[in-house]
Amino acid sequence: MMHADLIDQEDFRERLVALGLSIPDGTSPEHACELAVSGLSAERAVALRHLVEELLGGSATLLPNVREAISRHLLPALVPKPT
């Protein structure tokens, strides 16, 4: 039997917390993304960019609410600004 890796809202929150972000238990993926990008520093942006690349490019399946939150909040915040 095949076992698929699923990333739900708690897995996603735990990954953000592992980056040193303060994300309370039970936080929705959308709110977690909002918290992650508030006061976004260059160092945090690099760490978040790596996490997003890992999540979107990996073999794990993101639940729709996690994928949508990343698309709505993290991706736009992590797009390099024109200089």
N, C-alpha and C. Protein backbone atom coordinates (compact mmCIF):
# COMPACT_ATOMS: atom_id res chain seq x y z
N MET A 1 0.84 -1.18 0.00
CA MET A 1 0.00 0.00 0.00
C MET A 1 0.89 1.24 0.00
N MET A 2 0.53 2.23 -0.82
CA MET A 2 1.28 3.46 -0.91
C MET A 2 0.86 4.43 0.18
N HIS A 3 1.84 5.14 0.73
CA HIS A 3 1.56 6.15 1.74
C HIS A 3 2.02 7.49 1.21
N ALA A 4 1.10 8.40 1.04
CA ALA A 4 1.43 9.72 0.49
C ALA A 4 1.69 10.69 1.64
N ASP A 5 2.68 11.54 1.46
CA ASP A 5 2.95 12.59 2.42
C ASP A 5 2.00 13.74 2.15
N LEU A 6 1.27 14.14 3.18
CA LEU A 6 0.33 15.25 3.07
C LEU A 6 0.79 16.38 3.97
N ILE A 7 0.74 17.59 3.46
CA ILE A 7 1.06 18.77 4.26
C ILE A 7 -0.26 19.46 4.59
N ASP A 8 -0.67 19.35 5.85
CA ASP A 8 -1.89 20.01 6.28
C ASP A 8 -1.52 21.30 7.01
N GLN A 9 -2.51 21.98 7.57
CA GLN A 9 -2.24 23.27 8.19
C GLN A 9 -1.29 23.15 9.37
N GLU A 10 -1.34 22.07 10.13
CA GLU A 10 -0.45 21.92 11.27
C GLU A 10 0.99 21.62 10.82
N ASP A 11 1.14 20.78 9.80
CA ASP A 11 2.47 20.52 9.25
C ASP A 11 3.09 21.82 8.73
N PHE A 12 2.29 22.60 8.03
CA PHE A 12 2.75 23.86 7.48
C PHE A 12 3.16 24.81 8.60
N ARG A 13 2.34 24.92 9.64
CA ARG A 13 2.65 25.78 10.79
C ARG A 13 3.95 25.34 11.44
N GLU A 14 4.13 24.03 11.60
CA GLU A 14 5.35 23.51 12.23
C GLU A 14 6.59 23.85 11.40
N ARG A 15 6.46 23.83 10.09
CA ARG A 15 7.60 24.19 9.23
C ARG A 15 7.94 25.67 9.36
N LEU A 16 6.93 26.50 9.50
CA LEU A 16 7.18 27.93 9.71
C LEU A 16 7.81 28.17 11.07
N VAL A 17 7.34 27.47 12.08
CA VAL A 17 7.91 27.59 13.42
C VAL A 17 9.38 27.14 13.41
N ALA A 18 9.68 26.09 12.65
CA ALA A 18 11.06 25.61 12.55
C ALA A 18 11.99 26.66 11.96
N LEU A 19 11.43 27.62 11.21
CA LEU A 19 12.23 28.72 10.67
C LEU A 19 12.44 29.83 11.70
N GLY A 20 11.84 29.66 12.88
CA GLY A 20 11.98 30.66 13.92
C GLY A 20 10.83 31.65 14.00
N LEU A 21 9.77 31.38 13.26
CA LEU A 21 8.61 32.27 13.27
C LEU A 21 7.68 31.90 14.42
N SER A 22 7.02 32.89 14.96
CA SER A 22 6.07 32.67 16.05
C SER A 22 4.67 32.55 15.45
N ILE A 23 4.21 31.32 15.30
CA ILE A 23 2.89 31.04 14.73
C ILE A 23 2.12 30.22 15.77
N PRO A 24 1.06 30.79 16.35
CA PRO A 24 0.30 30.08 17.40
C PRO A 24 -0.36 28.79 16.89
N ASP A 25 -0.54 27.85 17.80
CA ASP A 25 -1.27 26.61 17.48
C ASP A 25 -2.64 26.96 16.94
N GLY A 26 -3.10 26.16 15.98
CA GLY A 26 -4.45 26.32 15.44
C GLY A 26 -4.60 27.45 14.43
N THR A 27 -3.49 28.10 14.10
CA THR A 27 -3.56 29.19 13.12
C THR A 27 -3.85 28.64 11.74
N SER A 28 -4.75 29.29 11.02
CA SER A 28 -5.07 28.87 9.66
C SER A 28 -3.86 29.11 8.77
N PRO A 29 -3.74 28.36 7.67
CA PRO A 29 -2.62 28.58 6.74
C PRO A 29 -2.57 30.03 6.24
N GLU A 30 -3.73 30.61 5.96
CA GLU A 30 -3.76 31.98 5.46
C GLU A 30 -3.19 32.96 6.49
N HIS A 31 -3.63 32.82 7.73
CA HIS A 31 -3.13 33.72 8.78
C HIS A 31 -1.66 33.44 9.07
N ALA A 32 -1.25 32.18 9.01
CA ALA A 32 0.16 31.83 9.22
C ALA A 32 1.04 32.52 8.17
N CYS A 33 0.58 32.55 6.93
CA CYS A 33 1.33 33.23 5.86
C CYS A 33 1.38 34.73 6.12
N GLU A 34 0.27 35.30 6.56
CA GLU A 34 0.25 36.73 6.87
C GLU A 34 1.25 37.06 7.97
N LEU A 35 1.30 36.21 8.99
CA LEU A 35 2.26 36.42 10.08
C LEU A 35 3.69 36.25 9.59
N ALA A 36 3.90 35.28 8.70
CA ALA A 36 5.24 35.00 8.19
C ALA A 36 5.81 36.17 7.40
N VAL A 37 4.96 36.88 6.67
CA VAL A 37 5.47 37.97 5.83
C VAL A 37 5.44 39.34 6.54
N SER A 38 4.86 39.39 7.73
CA SER A 38 4.87 40.67 8.44
C SER A 38 6.29 40.96 8.93
N GLY A 39 6.76 42.14 8.62
CA GLY A 39 8.13 42.50 9.00
C GLY A 39 9.17 41.64 8.29
N LEU A 40 8.91 41.32 7.05
CA LEU A 40 9.78 40.42 6.29
C LEU A 40 11.17 41.02 6.10
N SER A 41 12.16 40.37 6.69
CA SER A 41 13.56 40.78 6.52
C SER A 41 14.16 39.99 5.36
N ALA A 42 15.32 40.43 4.90
CA ALA A 42 15.99 39.73 3.79
C ALA A 42 16.32 38.29 4.18
N GLU A 43 16.76 38.09 5.41
CA GLU A 43 17.10 36.74 5.88
C GLU A 43 15.87 35.85 5.94
N ARG A 44 14.78 36.39 6.47
CA ARG A 44 13.54 35.63 6.56
C ARG A 44 13.00 35.32 5.17
N ALA A 45 13.12 36.28 4.24
CA ALA A 45 12.65 36.07 2.87
C ALA A 45 13.39 34.90 2.22
N VAL A 46 14.69 34.80 2.44
CA VAL A 46 15.47 33.69 1.88
C VAL A 46 14.99 32.37 2.47
N ALA A 47 14.81 32.32 3.78
CA ALA A 47 14.35 31.09 4.43
C ALA A 47 12.96 30.70 3.93
N LEU A 48 12.06 31.67 3.82
CA LEU A 48 10.71 31.39 3.33
C LEU A 48 10.74 30.94 1.88
N ARG A 49 11.59 31.55 1.07
CA ARG A 49 11.70 31.18 -0.34
C ARG A 49 12.14 29.71 -0.46
N HIS A 50 13.12 29.32 0.37
CA HIS A 50 13.58 27.92 0.35
C HIS A 50 12.45 26.97 0.77
N LEU A 51 11.70 27.36 1.80
CA LEU A 51 10.59 26.53 2.25
C LEU A 51 9.54 26.38 1.15
N VAL A 52 9.18 27.48 0.52
CA VAL A 52 8.18 27.44 -0.56
C VAL A 52 8.67 26.56 -1.70
N GLU A 53 9.92 26.71 -2.08
CA GLU A 53 10.48 25.88 -3.16
C GLU A 53 10.42 24.40 -2.78
N GLU A 54 10.75 24.10 -1.53
CA GLU A 54 10.71 22.72 -1.04
C GLU A 54 9.29 22.16 -1.07
N LEU A 55 8.33 22.96 -0.59
CA LEU A 55 6.95 22.49 -0.53
C LEU A 55 6.34 22.32 -1.92
N LEU A 56 6.55 23.31 -2.79
CA LEU A 56 5.93 23.25 -4.11
C LEU A 56 6.66 22.29 -5.05
N GLY A 57 7.94 22.08 -4.83
CA GLY A 57 8.71 21.22 -5.71
C GLY A 57 8.89 19.80 -5.20
N GLY A 58 8.48 19.54 -3.99
CA GLY A 58 8.67 18.22 -3.40
C GLY A 58 7.58 17.24 -3.79
N SER A 59 7.72 16.05 -3.27
CA SER A 59 6.78 14.98 -3.59
C SER A 59 5.54 14.96 -2.68
N ALA A 60 5.59 15.75 -1.60
CA ALA A 60 4.45 15.78 -0.68
C ALA A 60 3.28 16.50 -1.33
N THR A 61 2.10 16.13 -0.92
CA THR A 61 0.87 16.76 -1.42
C THR A 61 0.45 17.84 -0.44
N LEU A 62 0.30 19.06 -0.94
CA LEU A 62 -0.20 20.15 -0.12
C LEU A 62 -1.72 20.14 -0.16
N LEU A 63 -2.34 20.22 0.99
CA LEU A 63 -3.79 20.33 1.00
C LEU A 63 -4.17 21.66 0.35
N PRO A 64 -5.34 21.71 -0.28
CA PRO A 64 -5.71 22.91 -1.05
C PRO A 64 -5.64 24.22 -0.26
N ASN A 65 -6.03 24.21 1.01
CA ASN A 65 -6.00 25.47 1.78
C ASN A 65 -4.56 25.93 2.03
N VAL A 66 -3.63 25.01 2.14
CA VAL A 66 -2.22 25.37 2.32
C VAL A 66 -1.67 25.92 1.01
N ARG A 67 -1.93 25.24 -0.09
CA ARG A 67 -1.44 25.68 -1.40
C ARG A 67 -1.99 27.07 -1.74
N GLU A 68 -3.27 27.29 -1.47
CA GLU A 68 -3.90 28.58 -1.77
C GLU A 68 -3.29 29.70 -0.92
N ALA A 69 -3.05 29.43 0.35
CA ALA A 69 -2.46 30.44 1.23
C ALA A 69 -1.06 30.81 0.75
N ILE A 70 -0.28 29.82 0.34
CA ILE A 70 1.06 30.09 -0.17
C ILE A 70 0.96 30.95 -1.43
N SER A 71 0.04 30.60 -2.32
CA SER A 71 -0.12 31.34 -3.57
C SER A 71 -0.58 32.77 -3.34
N ARG A 72 -1.47 32.96 -2.40
CA ARG A 72 -2.03 34.30 -2.15
C ARG A 72 -1.11 35.21 -1.36
N HIS A 73 -0.34 34.65 -0.42
CA HIS A 73 0.40 35.49 0.51
C HIS A 73 1.92 35.37 0.40
N LEU A 74 2.43 34.15 0.38
CA LEU A 74 3.89 34.00 0.37
C LEU A 74 4.50 34.32 -0.98
N LEU A 75 3.95 33.75 -2.05
CA LEU A 75 4.55 33.98 -3.36
C LEU A 75 4.62 35.46 -3.72
N PRO A 76 3.54 36.24 -3.59
CA PRO A 76 3.64 37.67 -3.92
C PRO A 76 4.66 38.42 -3.05
N ALA A 77 4.76 38.04 -1.78
CA ALA A 77 5.69 38.71 -0.87
C ALA A 77 7.15 38.36 -1.17
N LEU A 78 7.37 37.22 -1.81
CA LEU A 78 8.73 36.75 -2.05
C LEU A 78 9.24 37.06 -3.46
N VAL A 79 8.40 37.65 -4.29
CA VAL A 79 8.84 38.04 -5.63
C VAL A 79 9.87 39.17 -5.47
N PRO A 80 11.03 39.01 -6.08
CA PRO A 80 12.05 40.08 -5.97
C PRO A 80 11.52 41.40 -6.51
N LYS A 81 11.78 42.46 -5.77
CA LYS A 81 11.35 43.80 -6.16
C LYS A 81 12.32 44.35 -7.19
N PRO A 82 11.81 45.01 -8.24
CA PRO A 82 12.72 45.60 -9.22
C PRO A 82 13.57 46.70 -8.57
N THR A 83 14.80 46.77 -8.96
CA THR A 83 15.70 47.78 -8.37
C THR A 83 15.90 48.95 -9.30
